[in-house]
Protein backbone atom coordinates (compact mmCIF):
# COMPACT_ATOMS: atom_id res chain seq x y z
CA MET A 1 -21.65 69.51 -4.03
CA ASP A 2 -20.06 67.37 -1.31
CA ASP A 3 -16.83 65.53 -1.82
CA CYS A 4 -18.48 62.43 -0.43
CA VAL A 5 -21.82 61.25 0.86
CA VAL A 6 -21.76 58.30 3.24
CA VAL A 7 -24.98 56.30 3.36
CA GLY A 8 -25.28 54.67 6.78
CA ALA A 9 -24.07 55.67 10.24
CA GLY A 10 -22.86 52.38 11.63
CA PRO A 11 -19.22 51.59 12.49
CA ALA A 12 -18.14 51.57 8.81
CA GLY A 13 -19.91 54.78 7.83
CA LEU A 14 -18.87 56.75 10.89
CA THR A 15 -15.24 55.63 10.59
CA ALA A 16 -15.23 56.80 6.97
CA ALA A 17 -16.73 60.11 8.05
CA ILE A 18 -14.07 60.63 10.73
CA TYR A 19 -11.29 60.01 8.23
CA LEU A 20 -12.79 62.16 5.48
CA ALA A 21 -13.45 65.04 7.86
CA ARG A 22 -9.86 64.87 9.12
CA PHE A 23 -8.75 64.91 5.47
CA ARG A 24 -10.67 68.23 5.36
CA ARG A 25 -13.14 66.89 2.85
CA GLY A 26 -16.77 67.95 2.66
CA VAL A 27 -18.60 64.88 3.94
CA LEU A 28 -22.29 64.31 4.56
CA VAL A 29 -23.54 61.21 6.40
CA ILE A 30 -27.15 60.20 5.81
CA ASP A 31 -28.42 58.11 8.70
CA ALA A 32 -31.68 56.12 8.48
CA GLY A 33 -31.25 55.10 12.12
CA ALA A 34 -31.12 51.38 11.35
CA SER A 35 -27.58 50.39 12.32
CA ARG A 36 -27.38 46.74 13.36
CA CYS A 37 -24.70 47.75 15.85
CA ALA A 38 -27.29 49.71 17.88
CA ARG A 39 -28.98 46.42 18.82
CA ILE A 40 -25.90 45.02 20.58
CA PRO A 41 -26.49 44.91 24.37
CA ARG A 42 -22.75 44.74 25.04
CA SER A 43 -19.82 43.64 22.90
CA HIS A 44 -16.83 42.09 24.64
CA ASN A 45 -14.66 41.37 21.61
CA HIS A 46 -14.20 44.91 20.34
CA PRO A 47 -10.57 45.98 20.87
CA GLY A 48 -9.97 48.67 23.48
CA PHE A 49 -12.97 47.88 25.69
CA PRO A 50 -11.88 45.17 28.15
CA HIS A 51 -15.17 45.45 30.06
CA GLY A 52 -17.28 45.55 26.91
CA VAL A 53 -19.16 48.35 25.21
CA GLN A 54 -22.82 48.80 24.33
CA GLY A 55 -23.55 49.20 20.65
CA LYS A 56 -25.42 52.48 21.08
CA ALA A 57 -22.63 53.88 23.29
CA LEU A 58 -19.99 53.04 20.68
CA LEU A 59 -22.01 54.66 17.90
CA SER A 60 -22.58 57.77 20.04
CA ARG A 61 -18.85 58.16 20.65
CA MET A 62 -18.04 57.74 16.97
CA ARG A 63 -20.77 60.16 15.94
CA ARG A 64 -19.45 62.87 18.29
CA GLN A 65 -15.95 62.29 16.99
CA ALA A 66 -17.01 62.67 13.35
CA GLU A 67 -18.97 65.84 14.08
CA GLN A 68 -16.07 67.24 16.07
CA TYR A 69 -13.99 67.30 12.87
CA GLY A 70 -16.73 68.78 10.72
CA ALA A 71 -18.71 65.86 9.31
CA ARG A 72 -22.41 66.64 8.86
CA ILE A 73 -24.77 63.90 9.94
CA VAL A 74 -28.46 64.08 9.06
CA SER A 75 -31.35 61.75 9.81
CA ASP A 76 -32.88 60.75 6.50
CA ARG A 77 -33.34 57.85 4.13
CA VAL A 78 -31.86 57.57 0.65
CA ASP A 79 -34.54 56.36 -1.74
CA ALA A 80 -32.54 56.33 -4.95
CA LEU A 81 -28.93 56.49 -6.12
CA ALA A 82 -27.85 57.31 -9.66
CA PRO A 83 -24.31 57.75 -11.03
CA GLY A 84 -23.79 60.65 -13.40
CA SER A 85 -21.01 61.93 -15.64
CA GLU A 86 -19.63 64.28 -12.98
CA ALA A 87 -21.41 63.35 -9.76
CA PHE A 88 -23.74 60.95 -8.03
CA GLU A 89 -27.30 61.98 -7.30
CA LEU A 90 -29.00 60.70 -4.18
CA ARG A 91 -32.70 61.25 -3.71
CA CYS A 92 -33.99 61.60 -0.16
CA GLY A 93 -37.75 62.07 -0.31
CA SER A 94 -38.37 65.30 -2.21
CA ARG A 95 -34.78 66.56 -2.13
CA THR A 96 -31.70 65.56 -4.10
CA VAL A 97 -28.11 65.53 -2.87
CA ALA A 98 -25.06 65.54 -5.15
CA ALA A 99 -21.61 64.17 -4.36
CA ARG A 100 -18.41 63.41 -6.23
CA LYS A 101 -18.01 60.08 -4.42
CA VAL A 102 -20.34 57.84 -2.41
CA ILE A 103 -19.70 55.23 0.27
CA LEU A 104 -22.43 52.68 0.88
CA ALA A 105 -22.29 51.52 4.50
CA THR A 106 -25.86 50.25 4.58
CA GLY A 107 -25.14 46.96 6.33
CA VAL A 108 -27.45 43.98 6.66
CA VAL A 109 -30.69 43.03 8.42
CA ASP A 110 -30.93 39.97 10.67
CA ASN A 111 -33.47 37.38 9.57
CA GLU A 112 -35.33 37.07 12.86
CA PRO A 113 -36.94 33.87 14.18
CA ASP A 114 -40.68 33.90 14.72
CA LEU A 115 -40.57 34.20 18.51
CA PRO A 116 -42.65 36.44 20.76
CA GLY A 117 -40.80 39.50 22.05
CA VAL A 118 -37.79 39.14 19.73
CA GLU A 119 -36.53 42.69 20.31
CA ASP A 120 -36.68 42.21 24.09
CA LEU A 121 -34.81 38.91 23.81
CA VAL A 122 -32.06 40.62 21.78
CA ALA A 123 -31.83 43.57 24.20
CA ARG A 124 -31.43 41.21 27.16
CA GLY A 125 -28.78 39.11 25.45
CA LEU A 126 -30.96 35.99 25.44
CA LEU A 127 -31.14 35.83 21.65
CA ARG A 128 -27.84 36.35 19.88
CA ALA A 129 -26.88 36.51 16.23
CA CYS A 130 -23.07 36.36 16.14
CA PRO A 131 -21.23 33.37 17.64
CA ILE A 132 -17.88 34.93 16.68
CA CYS A 133 -18.75 38.08 18.67
CA ASP A 134 -20.05 36.51 21.85
CA GLY A 135 -19.72 32.73 21.82
CA TYR A 136 -17.19 33.17 24.61
CA GLU A 137 -19.90 34.68 26.81
CA VAL A 138 -21.98 31.47 26.70
CA ARG A 139 -19.16 29.00 27.33
CA ASP A 140 -20.25 25.80 29.08
CA GLN A 141 -23.92 26.84 28.88
CA SER A 142 -26.85 25.14 27.22
CA ILE A 143 -27.23 26.69 23.76
CA GLY A 144 -30.04 26.40 21.22
CA VAL A 145 -29.43 27.41 17.61
CA LEU A 146 -32.54 28.32 15.61
CA GLY A 147 -32.15 27.55 11.92
CA LYS A 148 -33.27 25.78 8.78
CA ASP A 149 -30.29 24.68 6.74
CA ALA A 150 -26.59 23.89 6.43
CA HIS A 151 -25.70 27.46 7.40
CA ALA A 152 -27.40 26.99 10.78
CA ALA A 153 -25.67 23.62 11.15
CA ARG A 154 -22.28 25.27 10.69
CA GLU A 155 -23.17 27.91 13.31
CA ALA A 156 -24.17 25.18 15.77
CA ILE A 157 -20.97 23.22 15.16
CA PHE A 158 -18.89 26.39 15.62
CA LEU A 159 -20.52 26.94 19.01
CA THR A 160 -19.22 23.57 20.23
CA THR A 161 -15.95 25.49 20.56
CA TYR A 162 -17.52 26.94 23.71
CA SER A 163 -19.99 24.32 24.95
CA ARG A 164 -20.77 20.61 24.69
CA ALA A 165 -24.47 21.31 25.22
CA VAL A 166 -25.48 22.65 21.78
CA SER A 167 -28.73 21.81 19.99
CA LEU A 168 -29.98 22.78 16.55
CA ILE A 169 -33.67 23.69 16.66
CA HIS A 170 -34.60 22.87 13.08
CA LEU A 171 -37.29 25.26 11.84
CA GLY A 172 -37.39 24.19 8.21
CA ALA A 173 -38.60 21.21 6.24
CA ALA A 174 -36.67 17.94 6.57
CA GLN A 175 -35.09 18.35 3.12
CA ASP A 176 -33.72 21.79 4.04
CA LEU A 177 -31.08 20.13 6.24
CA PRO A 178 -29.03 17.87 3.94
CA ASP A 179 -27.66 14.50 5.02
CA ASP A 180 -24.05 15.67 5.07
CA ALA A 181 -24.98 18.50 7.46
CA ARG A 182 -26.85 16.05 9.68
CA GLY A 183 -23.79 13.78 9.71
CA ALA A 184 -21.51 16.68 10.66
CA LEU A 185 -23.88 17.66 13.48
CA ALA A 186 -23.91 14.10 14.81
CA ARG A 187 -20.11 13.86 14.76
CA ALA A 188 -19.89 17.18 16.62
CA GLY A 189 -22.33 16.00 19.27
CA VAL A 190 -25.03 18.53 18.34
CA ALA A 191 -28.57 17.32 18.95
CA VAL A 192 -31.20 18.11 16.30
CA ILE A 193 -34.69 19.04 17.52
CA GLU A 194 -37.22 18.71 14.72
CA THR A 195 -40.50 19.66 16.44
CA GLY A 196 -41.79 23.21 15.90
CA ILE A 197 -41.82 25.69 18.78
CA GLU A 198 -45.19 26.10 20.46
CA SER A 199 -44.39 28.48 23.30
CA VAL A 200 -41.53 30.20 25.14
CA VAL A 201 -41.07 30.64 28.89
CA ILE A 202 -38.50 33.22 29.97
CA ASP A 203 -37.15 34.30 33.31
CA ARG A 204 -34.89 37.27 33.98
CA ARG A 205 -31.61 35.77 32.87
CA ARG A 206 -32.31 32.79 30.65
CA ILE A 207 -34.70 31.07 28.29
CA SER A 208 -36.05 28.77 30.97
CA ALA A 209 -38.14 26.72 28.54
CA LEU A 210 -38.97 26.35 24.87
CA CYS A 211 -42.00 24.08 24.59
CA PHE A 212 -42.08 21.69 21.64
CA GLY A 213 -45.44 19.99 22.09
CA PRO A 214 -45.04 16.37 23.19
CA ASP A 215 -41.25 16.63 22.88
CA GLY A 216 -40.97 19.60 25.27
CA PRO A 217 -40.10 21.48 27.19
CA HIS A 218 -36.43 21.99 26.35
CA THR A 219 -34.40 24.49 28.36
CA PHE A 220 -31.53 26.70 27.22
CA ASP A 221 -29.38 29.37 28.77
CA SER A 222 -29.09 31.21 25.47
CA LEU A 223 -30.42 31.08 21.92
CA TYR A 224 -28.66 31.89 18.67
CA SER A 225 -30.37 32.76 15.41
CA GLY A 226 -28.83 30.79 12.57
CA LEU A 227 -31.22 32.22 10.00
CA GLY A 228 -28.64 34.47 8.40
CA VAL A 229 -28.95 38.05 7.21
CA THR A 230 -30.29 40.02 4.25
CA SER A 231 -28.02 42.57 2.60
CA ARG A 232 -29.26 46.15 2.29
CA ASN A 233 -28.06 46.30 -1.31
CA HIS A 234 -31.01 48.00 -3.05
CA LEU A 235 -29.14 51.27 -3.70
CA ALA A 236 -26.19 49.39 -5.14
CA VAL A 237 -28.53 47.41 -7.38
CA GLN A 238 -30.09 50.67 -8.61
CA ALA A 239 -26.63 51.99 -9.48
CA GLY A 240 -25.73 48.79 -11.33
CA ALA A 241 -23.01 47.57 -8.96
CA LYS A 242 -21.90 43.94 -9.07
CA LEU A 243 -23.00 41.59 -6.28
CA ASP A 244 -21.58 38.24 -5.19
CA GLU A 245 -23.67 35.08 -4.82
CA SER A 246 -24.76 36.05 -1.30
CA GLY A 247 -25.98 39.51 -2.35
CA ARG A 248 -22.98 41.35 -0.90
CA LEU A 249 -21.13 44.01 -2.88
CA VAL A 250 -18.01 43.05 -4.79
CA VAL A 251 -15.24 45.59 -4.10
CA SER A 252 -11.60 46.17 -4.94
CA GLU A 253 -8.78 46.26 -2.42
CA ARG A 254 -9.61 49.97 -2.03
CA GLN A 255 -13.28 49.18 -1.33
CA GLU A 256 -14.44 50.51 -4.71
CA THR A 257 -17.40 48.72 -6.29
CA SER A 258 -17.75 47.91 -9.97
CA ILE A 259 -19.12 51.46 -10.40
CA LEU A 260 -16.35 54.05 -10.62
CA GLY A 261 -16.49 56.39 -7.62
CA LEU A 262 -18.95 54.23 -5.66
CA TYR A 263 -17.38 52.59 -2.62
CA ALA A 264 -18.75 50.23 0.02
CA ALA A 265 -17.68 49.18 3.50
CA GLY A 266 -18.93 47.03 6.35
CA ASP A 267 -21.43 44.17 6.42
CA VAL A 268 -22.88 45.05 3.01
CA VAL A 269 -19.54 43.94 1.54
CA ARG A 270 -18.66 40.58 3.06
CA GLY A 271 -19.92 38.06 5.54
CA LEU A 272 -17.69 38.36 8.62
CA ASN A 273 -20.04 40.98 10.12
CA GLN A 274 -17.60 42.35 12.67
CA ILE A 275 -17.39 45.93 13.99
CA SER A 276 -13.60 46.04 13.73
CA THR A 277 -13.67 44.79 10.14
CA ALA A 278 -16.26 47.39 9.20
CA GLN A 279 -14.18 50.16 10.75
CA GLY A 280 -11.09 49.07 8.84
CA GLU A 281 -12.97 49.03 5.56
CA GLY A 282 -14.41 52.48 6.28
CA ALA A 283 -10.89 53.82 6.80
CA VAL A 284 -9.64 52.21 3.57
CA ALA A 285 -12.55 53.60 1.53
CA ALA A 286 -12.16 57.12 2.94
CA THR A 287 -8.43 57.19 2.28
CA ALA A 288 -8.90 55.91 -1.27
CA ILE A 289 -11.50 58.61 -1.92
CA HIS A 290 -9.25 61.37 -0.59
CA ASN A 291 -6.38 60.18 -2.78
CA ALA A 292 -8.62 59.89 -5.85
CA LEU A 293 -10.00 63.42 -5.37
CA SER A 294 -6.48 64.78 -4.86
CA ALA A 295 -5.25 63.06 -8.03
CA ALA A 296 -8.20 64.44 -10.01
CA ALA A 297 -7.42 67.95 -8.79
CA GLY A 298 -3.73 67.53 -9.61
CA THR A 299 -2.62 68.01 -6.00
């Protein structure tokens, strides 16, 4: 039986694994290969990388570091999680893994806009999902925010921190964008484009045109998705853990969920969705687990 199984090998899960391994705990990381961080072309707001760092490069460094100290990382998918009287059971296909403690670092999934070649747009930095992460990189450019509701309106208004040329491309029904959000957009100088997208024209470095039928084309240097994210919380739901109104896990100051011995860290917990925040939560969860195991053993 492992001291801890970490589900997810993103920044939160790998940080937890590094700490647990250095605490000389038996730690197994189960990686489904779906870290949101791996999609980042280059992050410029992560501390310690003044010239930026690619998401895959950061994960590779962290993975090597965890394995260097003895963490075991396997490629697999956890299908079910069940708390027991003495241990958690995690089912991966036909095999079952047991652990005294579990950290869920399963993250979130971006709700993608219905655009051709979305993955290519993300890889080239033409479609972005985090204005906090990289709004600075599009300062003074023409920005289009794709969204349906007040959440997208808030994202568009936030981006006026960096540019006066921000438009909300409204993809929902008229009633999805309430009057107070429309008023806030108008006061912030954000244009609202109501016509649906018909086609996209892209050159090497920018979205050169989004065609909106008779109202098009409109041109933008960069697009942001304001469609939000979906929490990967299915394992937590199976275990009976408490969720907040957005579907994120409710945790204590030590990152423990409402299920004793089940911890969570990273984007699955709260909505800031930052690498540095996820890493901090992974460190807190790992340290809490080490201390809890030590206390249980009377050491």
